[in-house]
Amino acid sequence: FATITFSGITNYTDSVKGRFTISRDNAKKTVFLQMNNLRPEDTAVYF
């Protein structure tokens, strides 16, 4: 539902677009997911 390339290009599915934001810190080898305005249907295990 969210992807980010090494250079920072992002893509989202319609279900999360405008609510979720994916980002990364290449130095720390870490990816983040900021989730706002969460809905009950967002309940899931996130991988």
All heavy atoms as atom14 arrays in JSON, in Angstrom:
{
  "sequence": "FATITFSGITNYTDSVKGRFTISRDNAKKTVFLQMNNLRPEDTAVYF",
  "atom14_mask": [
    [1, 1, 1, 1, 1, 1, 1, 1, 1, 1, 1, 0, 0, 0],
    [1, 1, 1, 1, 1, 0, 0, 0, 0, 0, 0, 0, 0, 0],
    [1, 1, 1, 1, 1, 1, 1, 0, 0, 0, 0, 0, 0, 0],
    [1, 1, 1, 1, 1, 1, 1, 1, 0, 0, 0, 0, 0, 0],
    [1, 1, 1, 1, 1, 1, 1, 0, 0, 0, 0, 0, 0, 0],
    [1, 1, 1, 1, 1, 1, 1, 1, 1, 1, 1, 0, 0, 0],
    [1, 1, 1, 1, 1, 1, 0, 0, 0, 0, 0, 0, 0, 0],
    [1, 1, 1, 1, 0, 0, 0, 0, 0, 0, 0, 0, 0, 0],
    [1, 1, 1, 1, 1, 1, 1, 1, 0, 0, 0, 0, 0, 0],
    [1, 1, 1, 1, 1, 1, 1, 0, 0, 0, 0, 0, 0, 0],
    [1, 1, 1, 1, 1, 1, 1, 1, 0, 0, 0, 0, 0, 0],
    [1, 1, 1, 1, 1, 1, 1, 1, 1, 1, 1, 1, 0, 0],
    [1, 1, 1, 1, 1, 1, 1, 0, 0, 0, 0, 0, 0, 0],
    [1, 1, 1, 1, 1, 1, 1, 1, 0, 0, 0, 0, 0, 0],
    [1, 1, 1, 1, 1, 1, 0, 0, 0, 0, 0, 0, 0, 0],
    [1, 1, 1, 1, 1, 1, 1, 0, 0, 0, 0, 0, 0, 0],
    [1, 1, 1, 1, 1, 1, 1, 1, 1, 0, 0, 0, 0, 0],
    [1, 1, 1, 1, 0, 0, 0, 0, 0, 0, 0, 0, 0, 0],
    [1, 1, 1, 1, 1, 1, 1, 1, 1, 1, 1, 0, 0, 0],
    [1, 1, 1, 1, 1, 1, 1, 1, 1, 1, 1, 0, 0, 0],
    [1, 1, 1, 1, 1, 1, 1, 0, 0, 0, 0, 0, 0, 0],
    [1, 1, 1, 1, 1, 1, 1, 1, 0, 0, 0, 0, 0, 0],
    [1, 1, 1, 1, 1, 1, 0, 0, 0, 0, 0, 0, 0, 0],
    [1, 1, 1, 1, 1, 1, 1, 1, 1, 1, 1, 0, 0, 0],
    [1, 1, 1, 1, 1, 1, 1, 1, 0, 0, 0, 0, 0, 0],
    [1, 1, 1, 1, 1, 1, 1, 1, 0, 0, 0, 0, 0, 0],
    [1, 1, 1, 1, 1, 0, 0, 0, 0, 0, 0, 0, 0, 0],
    [1, 1, 1, 1, 1, 1, 1, 1, 1, 0, 0, 0, 0, 0],
    [1, 1, 1, 1, 1, 1, 1, 1, 1, 0, 0, 0, 0, 0],
    [1, 1, 1, 1, 1, 1, 1, 0, 0, 0, 0, 0, 0, 0],
    [1, 1, 1, 1, 1, 1, 1, 0, 0, 0, 0, 0, 0, 0],
    [1, 1, 1, 1, 1, 1, 1, 1, 1, 1, 1, 0, 0, 0],
    [1, 1, 1, 1, 1, 1, 1, 1, 0, 0, 0, 0, 0, 0],
    [1, 1, 1, 1, 1, 1, 1, 1, 1, 0, 0, 0, 0, 0],
    [1, 1, 1, 1, 1, 1, 1, 1, 0, 0, 0, 0, 0, 0],
    [1, 1, 1, 1, 1, 1, 1, 1, 0, 0, 0, 0, 0, 0],
    [1, 1, 1, 1, 1, 1, 1, 1, 0, 0, 0, 0, 0, 0],
    [1, 1, 1, 1, 1, 1, 1, 1, 0, 0, 0, 0, 0, 0],
    [1, 1, 1, 1, 1, 1, 1, 1, 1, 1, 1, 0, 0, 0],
    [1, 1, 1, 1, 1, 1, 1, 0, 0, 0, 0, 0, 0, 0],
    [1, 1, 1, 1, 1, 1, 1, 1, 1, 0, 0, 0, 0, 0],
    [1, 1, 1, 1, 1, 1, 1, 1, 0, 0, 0, 0, 0, 0],
    [1, 1, 1, 1, 1, 1, 1, 0, 0, 0, 0, 0, 0, 0],
    [1, 1, 1, 1, 1, 0, 0, 0, 0, 0, 0, 0, 0, 0],
    [1, 1, 1, 1, 1, 1, 1, 0, 0, 0, 0, 0, 0, 0],
    [1, 1, 1, 1, 1, 1, 1, 1, 1, 1, 1, 1, 0, 0],
    [1, 1, 1, 1, 1, 1, 1, 1, 1, 1, 1, 0, 0, 0]
  ],
  "atom14_positions": [
    [[0.81, -1.21, 0.0], [0.0, 0.0, 0.0], [0.85, 1.27, 0.0], [0.34, 2.35, -0.27], [-0.99, 0.01, 1.18], [-0.35, 0.03, 2.54], [0.14, 1.2, 3.09], [-0.27, -1.13, 3.3], [0.72, 1.23, 4.34], [0.3, -1.13, 4.56], [0.79, 0.06, 5.08], [0.0, 0.0, 0.0], [0.0, 0.0, 0.0], [0.0, 0.0, 0.0]],
    [[2.14, 1.11, 0.3], [3.05, 2.25, 0.27], [4.44, 1.76, -0.09], [4.91, 0.76, 0.45], [3.09, 2.98, 1.61], [0.0, 0.0, 0.0], [0.0, 0.0, 0.0], [0.0, 0.0, 0.0], [0.0, 0.0, 0.0], [0.0, 0.0, 0.0], [0.0, 0.0, 0.0], [0.0, 0.0, 0.0], [0.0, 0.0, 0.0], [0.0, 0.0, 0.0]],
    [[5.09, 2.44, -1.03], [6.44, 2.08, -1.43], [7.3, 3.34, -1.51], [6.8, 4.44, -1.73], [6.48, 1.38, -2.8], [6.05, 2.29, -3.82], [5.59, 0.15, -2.81], [0.0, 0.0, 0.0], [0.0, 0.0, 0.0], [0.0, 0.0, 0.0], [0.0, 0.0, 0.0], [0.0, 0.0, 0.0], [0.0, 0.0, 0.0], [0.0, 0.0, 0.0]],
    [[8.6, 3.14, -1.36], [9.54, 4.25, -1.48], [10.85, 3.74, -2.06], [11.41, 2.75, -1.59], [9.76, 4.97, -0.13], [10.66, 6.2, -0.31], [10.31, 4.02, 0.92], [10.65, 7.12, 0.9], [0.0, 0.0, 0.0], [0.0, 0.0, 0.0], [0.0, 0.0, 0.0], [0.0, 0.0, 0.0], [0.0, 0.0, 0.0], [0.0, 0.0, 0.0]],
    [[11.33, 4.39, -3.11], [12.59, 4.0, -3.73], [13.75, 4.54, -2.92], [13.58, 5.32, -1.98], [12.69, 4.53, -5.17], [12.77, 5.95, -5.14], [11.48, 4.1, -6.0], [0.0, 0.0, 0.0], [0.0, 0.0, 0.0], [0.0, 0.0, 0.0], [0.0, 0.0, 0.0], [0.0, 0.0, 0.0], [0.0, 0.0, 0.0], [0.0, 0.0, 0.0]],
    [[14.96, 4.12, -3.28], [16.15, 4.59, -2.58], [16.26, 6.12, -2.65], [16.69, 6.76, -1.68], [17.4, 3.95, -3.18], [18.67, 4.37, -2.49], [19.05, 3.81, -1.28], [19.49, 5.34, -3.06], [20.22, 4.19, -0.65], [20.66, 5.74, -2.43], [21.03, 5.16, -1.22], [0.0, 0.0, 0.0], [0.0, 0.0, 0.0], [0.0, 0.0, 0.0]],
    [[15.86, 6.69, -3.77], [15.96, 8.13, -3.96], [14.79, 8.9, -3.35], [14.79, 10.12, -3.38], [16.08, 8.47, -5.44], [14.94, 8.06, -6.15], [0.0, 0.0, 0.0], [0.0, 0.0, 0.0], [0.0, 0.0, 0.0], [0.0, 0.0, 0.0], [0.0, 0.0, 0.0], [0.0, 0.0, 0.0], [0.0, 0.0, 0.0], [0.0, 0.0, 0.0]],
    [[13.79, 8.17, -2.82], [12.69, 8.83, -2.14], [11.41, 8.99, -2.92], [10.51, 9.71, -2.46], [0.0, 0.0, 0.0], [0.0, 0.0, 0.0], [0.0, 0.0, 0.0], [0.0, 0.0, 0.0], [0.0, 0.0, 0.0], [0.0, 0.0, 0.0], [0.0, 0.0, 0.0], [0.0, 0.0, 0.0], [0.0, 0.0, 0.0], [0.0, 0.0, 0.0]],
    [[11.28, 8.36, -4.06], [10.04, 8.42, -4.83], [9.01, 7.51, -4.17], [9.27, 6.34, -3.92], [10.25, 8.0, -6.29], [11.27, 8.92, -6.96], [8.94, 8.01, -7.05], [11.69, 8.47, -8.34], [0.0, 0.0, 0.0], [0.0, 0.0, 0.0], [0.0, 0.0, 0.0], [0.0, 0.0, 0.0], [0.0, 0.0, 0.0], [0.0, 0.0, 0.0]],
    [[7.83, 8.05, -3.89], [6.8, 7.31, -3.16], [5.59, 7.0, -4.01], [5.28, 7.72, -4.97], [6.35, 8.09, -1.92], [5.79, 9.35, -2.32], [7.52, 8.34, -0.98], [0.0, 0.0, 0.0], [0.0, 0.0, 0.0], [0.0, 0.0, 0.0], [0.0, 0.0, 0.0], [0.0, 0.0, 0.0], [0.0, 0.0, 0.0], [0.0, 0.0, 0.0]],
    [[4.88, 5.93, -3.63], [3.62, 5.55, -4.25], [2.7, 5.0, -3.19], [3.14, 4.35, -2.24], [3.83, 4.52, -5.35], [4.26, 5.12, -6.66], [3.48, 5.77, -7.34], [5.52, 4.91, -7.03], [0.0, 0.0, 0.0], [0.0, 0.0, 0.0], [0.0, 0.0, 0.0], [0.0, 0.0, 0.0], [0.0, 0.0, 0.0], [0.0, 0.0, 0.0]],
    [[1.39, 5.25, -3.35], [0.39, 4.81, -2.4], [-0.83, 4.26, -3.13], [-1.14, 4.69, -4.24], [-0.08, 5.95, -1.5], [1.0, 6.67, -0.76], [1.62, 7.79, -1.31], [1.39, 6.24, 0.51], [2.62, 8.45, -0.62], [2.38, 6.91, 1.21], [2.99, 8.01, 0.64], [3.97, 8.67, 1.34], [0.0, 0.0, 0.0], [0.0, 0.0, 0.0]],
    [[-1.52, 3.32, -2.49], [-2.81, 2.9, -3.0], [-3.85, 3.91, -2.56], [-3.63, 4.69, -1.62], [-3.19, 1.51, -2.47], [-3.3, 1.54, -1.05], [-2.17, 0.46, -2.89], [0.0, 0.0, 0.0], [0.0, 0.0, 0.0], [0.0, 0.0, 0.0], [0.0, 0.0, 0.0], [0.0, 0.0, 0.0], [0.0, 0.0, 0.0], [0.0, 0.0, 0.0]],
    [[-5.0, 3.9, -3.22], [-6.04, 4.88, -2.92], [-6.57, 4.77, -1.49], [-7.0, 5.78, -0.91], [-7.21, 4.72, -3.9], [-6.87, 5.19, -5.3], [-5.89, 5.95, -5.46], [-7.59, 4.8, -6.24], [0.0, 0.0, 0.0], [0.0, 0.0, 0.0], [0.0, 0.0, 0.0], [0.0, 0.0, 0.0], [0.0, 0.0, 0.0], [0.0, 0.0, 0.0]],
    [[-6.53, 3.59, -0.92], [-7.08, 3.39, 0.42], [-6.32, 4.16, 1.5], [-6.88, 4.45, 2.56], [-7.11, 1.9, 0.77], [-5.8, 1.36, 0.82], [0.0, 0.0, 0.0], [0.0, 0.0, 0.0], [0.0, 0.0, 0.0], [0.0, 0.0, 0.0], [0.0, 0.0, 0.0], [0.0, 0.0, 0.0], [0.0, 0.0, 0.0], [0.0, 0.0, 0.0]],
    [[-5.06, 4.49, 1.25], [-4.26, 5.18, 2.27], [-3.76, 6.54, 1.81], [-3.25, 7.32, 2.63], [-3.05, 4.33, 2.72], [-3.5, 2.95, 3.17], [-2.01, 4.23, 1.61], [0.0, 0.0, 0.0], [0.0, 0.0, 0.0], [0.0, 0.0, 0.0], [0.0, 0.0, 0.0], [0.0, 0.0, 0.0], [0.0, 0.0, 0.0], [0.0, 0.0, 0.0]],
    [[-3.92, 6.85, 0.55], [-3.42, 8.11, 0.0], [-4.05, 9.29, 0.73], [-5.26, 9.36, 0.92], [-3.71, 8.18, -1.5], [-2.99, 9.31, -2.22], [-3.22, 9.21, -3.73], [-2.64, 7.93, -4.29], [-2.79, 7.83, -5.76], [0.0, 0.0, 0.0], [0.0, 0.0, 0.0], [0.0, 0.0, 0.0], [0.0, 0.0, 0.0], [0.0, 0.0, 0.0]],
    [[-3.21, 10.22, 1.14], [-3.67, 11.39, 1.86], [-3.71, 11.2, 3.36], [-3.85, 12.19, 4.1], [0.0, 0.0, 0.0], [0.0, 0.0, 0.0], [0.0, 0.0, 0.0], [0.0, 0.0, 0.0], [0.0, 0.0, 0.0], [0.0, 0.0, 0.0], [0.0, 0.0, 0.0], [0.0, 0.0, 0.0], [0.0, 0.0, 0.0], [0.0, 0.0, 0.0]],
    [[-3.62, 9.97, 3.83], [-3.65, 9.68, 5.27], [-2.32, 9.14, 5.78], [-1.91, 9.44, 6.9], [-4.75, 8.67, 5.6], [-6.15, 9.14, 5.24], [-7.21, 8.17, 5.77], [-7.06, 6.84, 5.19], [-6.87, 5.72, 5.91], [-6.81, 5.79, 7.24], [-6.77, 4.54, 5.31], [0.0, 0.0, 0.0], [0.0, 0.0, 0.0], [0.0, 0.0, 0.0]],
    [[-1.66, 8.32, 4.97], [-0.39, 7.7, 5.35], [0.76, 8.35, 4.58], [0.61, 8.74, 3.42], [-0.39, 6.2, 5.04], [-1.34, 5.38, 5.86], [-2.24, 5.95, 6.73], [-1.31, 3.99, 5.75], [-3.12, 5.17, 7.48], [-2.17, 3.2, 6.49], [-3.08, 3.79, 7.35], [0.0, 0.0, 0.0], [0.0, 0.0, 0.0], [0.0, 0.0, 0.0]],
    [[1.92, 8.41, 5.22], [3.11, 8.94, 4.58], [4.29, 8.01, 4.85], [4.6, 7.7, 6.01], [3.46, 10.34, 5.1], [2.37, 11.23, 4.86], [4.69, 10.87, 4.38], [0.0, 0.0, 0.0], [0.0, 0.0, 0.0], [0.0, 0.0, 0.0], [0.0, 0.0, 0.0], [0.0, 0.0, 0.0], [0.0, 0.0, 0.0], [0.0, 0.0, 0.0]],
    [[4.94, 7.55, 3.79], [6.12, 6.71, 3.92], [7.36, 7.58, 3.73], [7.38, 8.47, 2.89], [6.09, 5.54, 2.9], [7.25, 4.57, 3.16], [6.11, 6.05, 1.47], [7.16, 3.29, 2.32], [0.0, 0.0, 0.0], [0.0, 0.0, 0.0], [0.0, 0.0, 0.0], [0.0, 0.0, 0.0], [0.0, 0.0, 0.0], [0.0, 0.0, 0.0]],
    [[8.38, 7.33, 4.53], [9.63, 8.06, 4.42], [10.78, 7.13, 4.81], [10.55, 6.02, 5.29], [9.62, 9.31, 5.32], [9.45, 8.96, 6.68], [0.0, 0.0, 0.0], [0.0, 0.0, 0.0], [0.0, 0.0, 0.0], [0.0, 0.0, 0.0], [0.0, 0.0, 0.0], [0.0, 0.0, 0.0], [0.0, 0.0, 0.0], [0.0, 0.0, 0.0]],
    [[12.02, 7.59, 4.62], [13.15, 6.73, 4.96], [14.35, 7.55, 5.36], [14.49, 8.73, 5.01], [13.51, 5.8, 3.79], [13.98, 6.51, 2.53], [14.1, 5.52, 1.37], [15.16, 4.55, 1.59], [15.27, 3.4, 0.92], [14.37, 3.07, 0.0], [16.28, 2.58, 1.18], [0.0, 0.0, 0.0], [0.0, 0.0, 0.0], [0.0, 0.0, 0.0]],
    [[15.23, 6.9, 6.11], [16.51, 7.47, 6.52], [17.56, 6.47, 6.05], [17.76, 5.43, 6.68], [16.57, 7.66, 8.03], [17.84, 8.34, 8.5], [18.88, 8.22, 7.82], [17.8, 9.0, 9.56], [0.0, 0.0, 0.0], [0.0, 0.0, 0.0], [0.0, 0.0, 0.0], [0.0, 0.0, 0.0], [0.0, 0.0, 0.0], [0.0, 0.0, 0.0]],
    [[18.21, 6.77, 4.94], [19.15, 5.82, 4.36], [20.37, 5.57, 5.25], [20.91, 4.47, 5.27], [19.6, 6.3, 2.98], [18.5, 6.21, 1.94], [17.58, 5.4, 2.08], [18.59, 7.02, 0.9], [0.0, 0.0, 0.0], [0.0, 0.0, 0.0], [0.0, 0.0, 0.0], [0.0, 0.0, 0.0], [0.0, 0.0, 0.0], [0.0, 0.0, 0.0]],
    [[20.81, 6.59, 5.96], [21.96, 6.44, 6.84], [21.66, 5.44, 7.96], [22.55, 4.71, 8.4], [22.38, 7.78, 7.43], [0.0, 0.0, 0.0], [0.0, 0.0, 0.0], [0.0, 0.0, 0.0], [0.0, 0.0, 0.0], [0.0, 0.0, 0.0], [0.0, 0.0, 0.0], [0.0, 0.0, 0.0], [0.0, 0.0, 0.0], [0.0, 0.0, 0.0]],
    [[20.41, 5.43, 8.42], [20.01, 4.53, 9.5], [19.35, 3.25, 8.98], [18.95, 2.41, 9.78], [19.06, 5.24, 10.46], [19.7, 6.41, 11.19], [18.71, 7.06, 12.16], [19.36, 8.18, 12.92], [18.42, 8.84, 13.85], [0.0, 0.0, 0.0], [0.0, 0.0, 0.0], [0.0, 0.0, 0.0], [0.0, 0.0, 0.0], [0.0, 0.0, 0.0]],
    [[19.25, 3.13, 7.65], [18.64, 1.95, 7.03], [17.26, 1.68, 7.61], [16.91, 0.56, 7.97], [19.54, 0.72, 7.18], [20.88, 0.86, 6.48], [21.72, -0.4, 6.65], [23.01, -0.32, 5.84], [23.88, 0.79, 6.29], [0.0, 0.0, 0.0], [0.0, 0.0, 0.0], [0.0, 0.0, 0.0], [0.0, 0.0, 0.0], [0.0, 0.0, 0.0]],
    [[16.47, 2.73, 7.68], [15.17, 2.68, 8.31], [14.08, 3.29, 7.43], [14.32, 4.29, 6.75], [15.19, 3.42, 9.66], [16.18, 2.84, 10.51], [13.84, 3.34, 10.35], [0.0, 0.0, 0.0], [0.0, 0.0, 0.0], [0.0, 0.0, 0.0], [0.0, 0.0, 0.0], [0.0, 0.0, 0.0], [0.0, 0.0, 0.0], [0.0, 0.0, 0.0]],
    [[12.91, 2.67, 7.44], [11.75, 3.21, 6.76], [10.69, 3.5, 7.81], [10.58, 2.78, 8.81], [11.2, 2.24, 5.69], [10.71, 0.93, 6.31], [10.08, 2.9, 4.88], [0.0, 0.0, 0.0], [0.0, 0.0, 0.0], [0.0, 0.0, 0.0], [0.0, 0.0, 0.0], [0.0, 0.0, 0.0], [0.0, 0.0, 0.0], [0.0, 0.0, 0.0]],
    [[9.92, 4.57, 7.6], [8.89, 4.98, 8.54], [7.54, 5.0, 7.85], [7.45, 5.14, 6.64], [9.18, 6.38, 9.1], [10.52, 6.51, 9.75], [11.6, 7.02, 9.04], [10.71, 6.15, 11.07], [12.84, 7.15, 9.64], [11.94, 6.27, 11.68], [13.01, 6.78, 10.96], [0.0, 0.0, 0.0], [0.0, 0.0, 0.0], [0.0, 0.0, 0.0]],
    [[6.5, 4.9, 8.64], [5.14, 5.04, 8.13], [4.34, 5.86, 9.13], [4.05, 5.4, 10.23], [4.47, 3.67, 7.94], [3.05, 3.73, 7.36], [3.1, 4.16, 5.89], [2.37, 2.37, 7.48], [0.0, 0.0, 0.0], [0.0, 0.0, 0.0], [0.0, 0.0, 0.0], [0.0, 0.0, 0.0], [0.0, 0.0, 0.0], [0.0, 0.0, 0.0]],
    [[4.01, 7.08, 8.74], [3.17, 7.94, 9.55], [1.73, 7.71, 9.14], [1.38, 7.93, 7.98], [3.54, 9.42, 9.37], [2.68, 10.39, 10.17], [2.87, 10.23, 11.65], [3.99, 10.13, 12.14], [1.76, 10.19, 12.39], [0.0, 0.0, 0.0], [0.0, 0.0, 0.0], [0.0, 0.0, 0.0], [0.0, 0.0, 0.0], [0.0, 0.0, 0.0]],
    [[0.9, 7.27, 10.07], [-0.5, 6.96, 9.79], [-1.39, 7.94, 10.54], [-1.38, 7.96, 11.77], [-0.83, 5.53, 10.18], [0.05, 4.49, 9.5], [-0.47, 2.79, 9.88], [-0.04, 2.72, 11.62], [0.0, 0.0, 0.0], [0.0, 0.0, 0.0], [0.0, 0.0, 0.0], [0.0, 0.0, 0.0], [0.0, 0.0, 0.0], [0.0, 0.0, 0.0]],
    [[-2.15, 8.73, 9.81], [-3.07, 9.7, 10.39], [-4.5, 9.35, 10.03], [-4.75, 8.65, 9.06], [-2.74, 11.11, 9.91], [-1.37, 11.58, 10.3], [-0.88, 11.24, 11.38], [-0.73, 12.36, 9.44], [0.0, 0.0, 0.0], [0.0, 0.0, 0.0], [0.0, 0.0, 0.0], [0.0, 0.0, 0.0], [0.0, 0.0, 0.0], [0.0, 0.0, 0.0]],
    [[-5.45, 9.89, 10.8], [-6.87, 9.66, 10.56], [-7.17, 8.18, 10.36], [-7.81, 7.77, 9.39], [-7.34, 10.47, 9.35], [-8.84, 10.53, 9.23], [-9.57, 10.37, 10.21], [-9.34, 10.74, 8.01], [0.0, 0.0, 0.0], [0.0, 0.0, 0.0], [0.0, 0.0, 0.0], [0.0, 0.0, 0.0], [0.0, 0.0, 0.0], [0.0, 0.0, 0.0]],
    [[-6.72, 7.37, 11.29], [-6.89, 5.92, 11.19], [-8.36, 5.52, 11.27], [-9.15, 6.14, 11.97], [-6.09, 5.22, 12.27], [-4.58, 5.16, 12.01], [-3.82, 4.89, 13.29], [-4.28, 4.09, 10.96], [0.0, 0.0, 0.0], [0.0, 0.0, 0.0], [0.0, 0.0, 0.0], [0.0, 0.0, 0.0], [0.0, 0.0, 0.0], [0.0, 0.0, 0.0]],
    [[-8.69, 4.47, 10.55], [-10.04, 3.93, 10.49], [-10.05, 2.49, 10.98], [-9.02, 1.81, 10.92], [-10.55, 3.95, 9.04], [-10.5, 5.32, 8.38], [-10.65, 5.19, 6.88], [-10.62, 6.48, 6.21], [-10.53, 6.65, 4.91], [-10.45, 5.58, 4.11], [-10.51, 7.86, 4.39], [0.0, 0.0, 0.0], [0.0, 0.0, 0.0], [0.0, 0.0, 0.0]],
    [[-11.19, 1.99, 11.47], [-11.25, 0.59, 11.92], [-10.79, -0.39, 10.85], [-10.19, -1.41, 11.18], [-12.73, 0.4, 12.26], [-13.17, 1.76, 12.7], [-12.45, 2.7, 11.78], [0.0, 0.0, 0.0], [0.0, 0.0, 0.0], [0.0, 0.0, 0.0], [0.0, 0.0, 0.0], [0.0, 0.0, 0.0], [0.0, 0.0, 0.0], [0.0, 0.0, 0.0]],
    [[-11.07, -0.1, 9.59], [-10.66, -1.0, 8.52], [-9.14, -1.02, 8.29], [-8.65, -1.83, 7.51], [-11.38, -0.65, 7.2], [-11.26, 0.8, 6.79], [-12.46, 1.62, 7.19], [-12.95, 1.45, 8.32], [-12.92, 2.44, 6.36], [0.0, 0.0, 0.0], [0.0, 0.0, 0.0], [0.0, 0.0, 0.0], [0.0, 0.0, 0.0], [0.0, 0.0, 0.0]],
    [[-8.42, -0.13, 8.96], [-6.96, -0.16, 8.91], [-6.37, -1.19, 9.86], [-5.16, -1.44, 9.83], [-6.38, 1.22, 9.25], [-6.68, 2.28, 8.22], [-6.63, 1.96, 7.01], [-6.96, 3.42, 8.61], [0.0, 0.0, 0.0], [0.0, 0.0, 0.0], [0.0, 0.0, 0.0], [0.0, 0.0, 0.0], [0.0, 0.0, 0.0], [0.0, 0.0, 0.0]],
    [[-7.2, -1.79, 10.7], [-6.73, -2.8, 11.64], [-6.11, -3.97, 10.88], [-6.74, -4.58, 10.02], [-7.89, -3.31, 12.51], [-8.36, -2.25, 13.35], [-7.43, -4.47, 13.4], [0.0, 0.0, 0.0], [0.0, 0.0, 0.0], [0.0, 0.0, 0.0], [0.0, 0.0, 0.0], [0.0, 0.0, 0.0], [0.0, 0.0, 0.0], [0.0, 0.0, 0.0]],
    [[-4.86, -4.27, 11.21], [-4.12, -5.31, 10.5], [-2.74, -5.47, 11.13], [-2.32, -4.65, 11.94], [-3.96, -4.96, 9.02], [0.0, 0.0, 0.0], [0.0, 0.0, 0.0], [0.0, 0.0, 0.0], [0.0, 0.0, 0.0], [0.0, 0.0, 0.0], [0.0, 0.0, 0.0], [0.0, 0.0, 0.0], [0.0, 0.0, 0.0], [0.0, 0.0, 0.0]],
    [[-2.06, -6.53, 10.73], [-0.64, -6.66, 11.03], [0.1, -5.98, 9.89], [-0.14, -6.28, 8.72], [-0.21, -8.13, 11.16], [1.31, -8.22, 11.39], [-0.96, -8.81, 12.29], [0.0, 0.0, 0.0], [0.0, 0.0, 0.0], [0.0, 0.0, 0.0], [0.0, 0.0, 0.0], [0.0, 0.0, 0.0], [0.0, 0.0, 0.0], [0.0, 0.0, 0.0]],
    [[0.97, -5.06, 10.23], [1.7, -4.3, 9.23], [3.11, -4.86, 9.06], [3.85, -5.03, 10.03], [1.76, -2.82, 9.63], [0.45, -2.11, 9.37], [-0.69, -2.43, 10.1], [0.35, -1.16, 8.35], [-1.9, -1.81, 9.84], [-0.86, -0.53, 8.09], [-1.98, -0.86, 8.84], [-3.17, -0.23, 8.58], [0.0, 0.0, 0.0], [0.0, 0.0, 0.0]],
    [[3.46, -5.17, 7.81], [4.74, -5.79, 7.49], [5.63, -4.87, 6.67], [5.17, -4.22, 5.73], [4.53, -7.08, 6.68], [3.85, -8.18, 7.42], [2.47, -8.32, 7.39], [4.59, -9.1, 8.15], [1.83, -9.34, 8.06], [3.97, -10.13, 8.83], [2.59, -10.25, 8.79], [0.0, 0.0, 0.0], [0.0, 0.0, 0.0], [0.0, 0.0, 0.0]]
  ]
}
